[in-house]
Amino acid sequence: MLSIIIPTLNEEKYLPKLLESINQQSYADYEIIVADNNSTDNTRLIAEKYSCKLVRGGKPAEARNNGAKSAKGEILLFIDADCILKHNFLKKSLNEMNRRNLAAAGCFVWPLNEKIIDNTGFAIFNIWLFLVQFFYPNASGSGIFCKRSLHEKIWGFDQSIVLSEDMDYARRAGKHARFRILNAVETYTSMRRFGNEGTLKTMLKLFLSAAYRILFGEIKTDIFKYKLEYGKRR
């Protein structure tokens, strides 16, 4: 079984689109766990409508860990609520993980629009993901697969990290088992996190944060003033 874990906070605008894209998958042996951080909109009602398991949330790292604790599946998929999966995403992903003998994997990510500037930024990000996967694994919270046994071995997501806890998770997973970026699938995400400061400025902060992590270690203070916009509706 596959356990799909989704952190939420006031996601009534985005969550139904993700859940619909999951329901339309050809692969059906999964459970959906929504780790909700006390939403005040219809998020919880939507999760119940789609027969999701509801657990206590928190910030993304804590929410993902809480979801994993209640998971029944042997493989975990962590994904943000504002993503959409294309047809056969789950089947293709699991087949590739099995074929390549992967214990953990990330996905290339693309924006849910056709703006040149947004797609260019994500293209650069995806090239970086591809290049570093062989010696310094990284992955976006827009799609990370991990065997539950490996998740437990590395003690899940580090809840003390302020920025790029998903990247740290992939790096630590890659230290203990085979990690790669999947070739057969992609995830698609909204651009809401780039709304306040714009794509270029936000991308610059993210790439600077990547350099900081390589040089100095994980980011445990708000040095980059990155506005997560977690739970904001756009």
Protein backbone atom coordinates (compact mmCIF):
# COMPACT_ATOMS: atom_id res chain seq x y z
CA MET A 1 0.00 0.00 0.00
CA LEU A 2 1.01 3.60 -0.66
CA SER A 3 0.32 6.26 1.99
CA ILE A 4 -0.15 9.77 0.58
CA ILE A 5 0.51 12.44 3.22
CA ILE A 6 -0.70 16.01 2.73
CA PRO A 7 0.00 18.87 5.21
CA THR A 8 -2.85 21.41 5.26
CA LEU A 9 -3.87 24.74 6.71
CA ASN A 10 -6.88 26.46 5.11
CA GLU A 11 -6.51 24.66 1.78
CA GLU A 12 -10.16 24.64 0.63
CA LYS A 13 -9.16 26.26 -2.67
CA TYR A 14 -6.44 23.77 -3.61
CA LEU A 15 -7.07 20.50 -1.78
CA PRO A 16 -10.08 19.37 -3.89
CA LYS A 17 -8.01 19.65 -7.09
CA LEU A 18 -5.25 17.47 -5.66
CA LEU A 19 -7.69 14.91 -4.27
CA GLU A 20 -9.53 14.72 -7.59
CA SER A 21 -6.25 14.12 -9.41
CA ILE A 22 -5.49 11.30 -6.97
CA ASN A 23 -8.93 9.75 -7.41
CA GLN A 24 -8.39 9.65 -11.17
CA GLN A 25 -5.20 7.61 -10.88
CA SER A 26 -5.11 4.10 -12.35
CA TYR A 27 -3.25 2.86 -9.25
CA ALA A 28 -5.76 2.36 -6.44
CA ASP A 29 -3.93 0.71 -3.53
CA TYR A 30 -3.43 3.84 -1.46
CA GLU A 31 -4.65 5.74 1.57
CA ILE A 32 -4.73 9.53 1.90
CA ILE A 33 -3.71 11.14 5.17
CA VAL A 34 -4.43 14.83 5.67
CA ALA A 35 -2.37 16.33 8.51
CA ASP A 36 -4.33 19.48 9.27
CA ASN A 37 -3.12 22.42 11.33
CA ASN A 38 -6.50 23.54 12.76
CA SER A 39 -7.94 24.91 9.52
CA THR A 40 -10.74 27.46 9.94
CA ASP A 41 -12.17 27.01 6.43
CA ASN A 42 -13.66 23.88 4.81
CA THR A 43 -10.41 21.94 4.54
CA ARG A 44 -11.38 19.29 7.07
CA LEU A 45 -14.85 18.85 5.57
CA ILE A 46 -13.28 18.38 2.14
CA ALA A 47 -10.86 15.79 3.50
CA GLU A 48 -13.74 13.88 5.09
CA LYS A 49 -15.77 14.07 1.86
CA TYR A 50 -12.91 12.32 0.04
CA SER A 51 -12.57 9.70 2.83
CA CYS A 52 -9.14 10.92 3.91
CA LYS A 53 -7.71 10.03 7.29
CA LEU A 54 -7.39 13.22 9.36
CA VAL A 55 -4.53 13.63 11.82
CA ARG A 56 -3.05 16.53 13.76
CA GLY A 57 -0.89 18.81 11.65
CA GLY A 58 1.46 21.68 12.39
CA LYS A 59 4.15 23.28 10.26
CA PRO A 60 5.02 21.15 7.21
CA ALA A 61 7.77 19.04 8.84
CA GLU A 62 5.67 18.23 11.89
CA ALA A 63 2.58 17.58 9.78
CA ARG A 64 4.45 15.16 7.52
CA ASN A 65 5.89 13.31 10.50
CA ASN A 66 2.46 13.05 12.14
CA GLY A 67 1.01 11.71 8.91
CA ALA A 68 3.77 9.11 8.62
CA LYS A 69 3.14 7.90 12.17
CA SER A 70 -0.40 6.88 11.26
CA ALA A 71 0.47 5.51 7.81
CA LYS A 72 -0.22 1.88 6.92
CA GLY A 73 1.63 1.85 3.62
CA GLU A 74 5.12 0.51 3.03
CA ILE A 75 5.85 3.51 0.81
CA LEU A 76 5.09 7.12 1.76
CA LEU A 77 4.37 9.96 -0.65
CA PHE A 78 4.68 13.45 0.82
CA ILE A 79 3.00 16.10 -1.30
CA ASP A 80 1.84 19.69 -0.83
CA ALA A 81 -1.86 20.48 -0.96
CA ASP A 82 -1.53 22.90 -3.89
CA CYS A 83 -0.17 20.28 -6.30
CA ILE A 84 -1.84 18.29 -9.07
CA LEU A 85 -0.87 14.85 -10.35
CA LYS A 86 -1.16 13.85 -13.98
CA HIS A 87 -2.81 10.58 -15.06
CA ASN A 88 -0.89 7.40 -14.12
CA PHE A 89 1.49 9.37 -11.88
CA LEU A 90 1.29 6.87 -9.02
CA LYS A 91 1.61 3.76 -11.17
CA LYS A 92 4.54 5.15 -13.16
CA SER A 93 6.31 6.37 -10.02
CA LEU A 94 6.08 3.09 -8.15
CA ASN A 95 7.07 1.08 -11.22
CA GLU A 96 10.15 3.25 -11.69
CA MET A 97 11.12 3.01 -8.03
CA ASN A 98 10.88 -0.77 -8.24
CA ARG A 99 12.73 -0.97 -11.56
CA ARG A 100 15.57 1.25 -10.36
CA ASN A 101 15.65 -0.25 -6.86
CA LEU A 102 15.05 3.09 -5.17
CA ALA A 103 14.27 3.48 -1.48
CA ALA A 104 13.49 7.19 -1.87
CA ALA A 105 12.83 9.50 -4.78
CA GLY A 106 11.98 13.07 -5.68
CA CYS A 107 10.12 14.55 -8.63
CA PHE A 108 10.73 17.27 -11.15
CA VAL A 109 8.31 20.13 -10.47
CA TRP A 110 6.56 22.53 -12.85
CA PRO A 111 4.25 25.51 -12.24
CA LEU A 112 0.52 25.34 -12.89
CA ASN A 113 0.66 28.08 -15.50
CA GLU A 114 2.33 28.83 -18.80
CA LYS A 115 4.23 32.01 -17.86
CA ILE A 116 7.70 31.99 -19.38
CA ILE A 117 9.38 33.43 -16.30
CA ASP A 118 7.85 30.82 -13.99
CA ASN A 119 8.64 27.90 -16.28
CA THR A 120 12.20 29.16 -16.80
CA GLY A 121 12.74 29.37 -13.06
CA PHE A 122 11.46 25.86 -12.51
CA ALA A 123 13.50 24.53 -15.43
CA ILE A 124 16.66 25.81 -13.74
CA PHE A 125 15.52 24.28 -10.45
CA ASN A 126 14.85 20.93 -12.13
CA ILE A 127 18.27 20.92 -13.79
CA TRP A 128 19.81 21.54 -10.37
CA LEU A 129 17.77 18.67 -8.87
CA PHE A 130 19.02 16.36 -11.62
CA LEU A 131 22.67 17.32 -11.24
CA VAL A 132 22.93 17.08 -7.45
CA GLN A 133 20.95 13.84 -7.08
CA PHE A 134 24.12 11.78 -7.52
CA PHE A 135 26.17 13.33 -4.70
CA TYR A 136 23.95 15.72 -2.66
CA PRO A 137 20.31 14.56 -3.01
CA ASN A 138 17.59 17.19 -2.80
CA ALA A 139 13.84 17.12 -3.44
CA SER A 140 10.85 19.41 -3.16
CA GLY A 141 7.91 18.84 -0.83
CA SER A 142 5.82 18.91 -3.99
CA GLY A 143 6.58 15.20 -4.30
CA ILE A 144 8.85 12.94 -2.22
CA PHE A 145 8.56 9.14 -2.08
CA CYS A 146 10.21 7.21 0.72
CA LYS A 147 9.98 3.68 2.07
CA ARG A 148 8.50 3.82 5.53
CA SER A 149 11.39 1.80 6.97
CA LEU A 150 13.85 4.41 5.65
CA HIS A 151 11.71 7.28 6.93
CA GLU A 152 11.85 5.74 10.40
CA LYS A 153 15.57 5.06 10.13
CA ILE A 154 16.36 8.74 9.49
CA TRP A 155 13.85 9.90 12.11
CA GLY A 156 11.59 11.63 9.62
CA PHE A 157 11.70 15.35 8.85
CA ASP A 158 13.81 17.61 11.06
CA GLN A 159 11.29 19.89 12.77
CA SER A 160 13.99 22.31 13.94
CA ILE A 161 14.76 23.44 10.37
CA VAL A 162 13.23 26.77 9.29
CA LEU A 163 13.71 26.47 5.52
CA SER A 164 14.32 23.51 3.16
CA GLU A 165 13.42 20.74 5.57
CA ASP A 166 12.33 18.77 2.49
CA MET A 167 15.79 19.14 0.95
CA ASP A 168 17.42 18.01 4.18
CA TYR A 169 15.11 14.99 4.29
CA ALA A 170 16.15 13.90 0.81
CA ARG A 171 19.83 14.43 1.62
CA ARG A 172 19.66 12.27 4.73
CA ALA A 173 17.61 9.60 2.95
CA GLY A 174 20.28 9.48 0.23
CA LYS A 175 22.97 8.85 2.84
CA HIS A 176 21.32 5.62 3.95
CA ALA A 177 19.77 4.23 0.76
CA ARG A 178 19.48 4.72 -2.98
CA PHE A 179 17.80 8.04 -3.88
CA ARG A 180 17.12 9.43 -7.34
CA ILE A 181 14.86 11.91 -9.13
CA LEU A 182 12.16 10.08 -11.09
CA ASN A 183 12.32 10.36 -14.87
CA ALA A 184 8.85 9.15 -15.82
CA VAL A 185 6.72 11.64 -13.87
CA GLU A 186 6.42 15.29 -12.84
CA THR A 187 4.35 17.19 -10.30
CA TYR A 188 2.65 20.52 -10.88
CA THR A 189 2.32 23.20 -8.23
CA SER A 190 0.66 26.57 -7.77
CA MET A 191 2.72 29.76 -7.72
CA ARG A 192 1.18 31.18 -4.54
CA ARG A 193 4.45 31.03 -2.61
CA PHE A 194 5.96 33.40 -5.15
CA GLY A 195 3.10 35.90 -4.99
CA ASN A 196 4.44 38.48 -2.55
CA GLU A 197 8.01 38.86 -3.77
CA GLY A 198 7.82 37.61 -7.34
CA THR A 199 9.35 34.60 -9.06
CA LEU A 200 12.87 35.95 -9.60
CA LYS A 201 13.36 37.24 -6.06
CA THR A 202 11.92 34.10 -4.49
CA MET A 203 13.98 31.81 -6.72
CA LEU A 204 17.10 33.81 -5.86
CA LYS A 205 16.41 33.31 -2.15
CA LEU A 206 15.93 29.58 -2.69
CA PHE A 207 19.17 29.20 -4.64
CA LEU A 208 21.09 31.27 -2.07
CA SER A 209 19.62 29.06 0.64
CA ALA A 210 20.86 26.00 -1.26
CA ALA A 211 24.37 27.46 -1.35
CA TYR A 212 24.14 28.30 2.35
CA ARG A 213 23.17 24.71 3.17
CA ILE A 214 26.16 23.33 1.26
CA LEU A 215 28.59 25.72 2.94
CA PHE A 216 27.22 26.05 6.46
CA GLY A 217 24.63 23.34 7.06
CA GLU A 218 20.88 23.35 7.54
CA ILE A 219 18.96 26.60 8.01
CA LYS A 220 17.63 26.88 11.55
CA THR A 221 17.11 30.65 11.70
CA ASP A 222 15.03 32.93 9.49
CA ILE A 223 18.14 34.37 7.83
CA PHE A 224 16.55 34.51 4.36
CA LYS A 225 13.20 35.97 5.48
CA TYR A 226 11.47 33.47 3.22
CA LYS A 227 7.69 33.91 3.38
CA LEU A 228 6.33 30.40 3.27
CA GLU A 229 2.73 31.60 2.81
CA TYR A 230 1.72 28.30 4.38
CA GLY A 231 -2.04 28.11 4.44
CA LYS A 232 -2.65 31.35 2.61
CA ARG A 233 -5.32 31.28 -0.05
CA ARG A 234 -4.52 32.77 -3.43
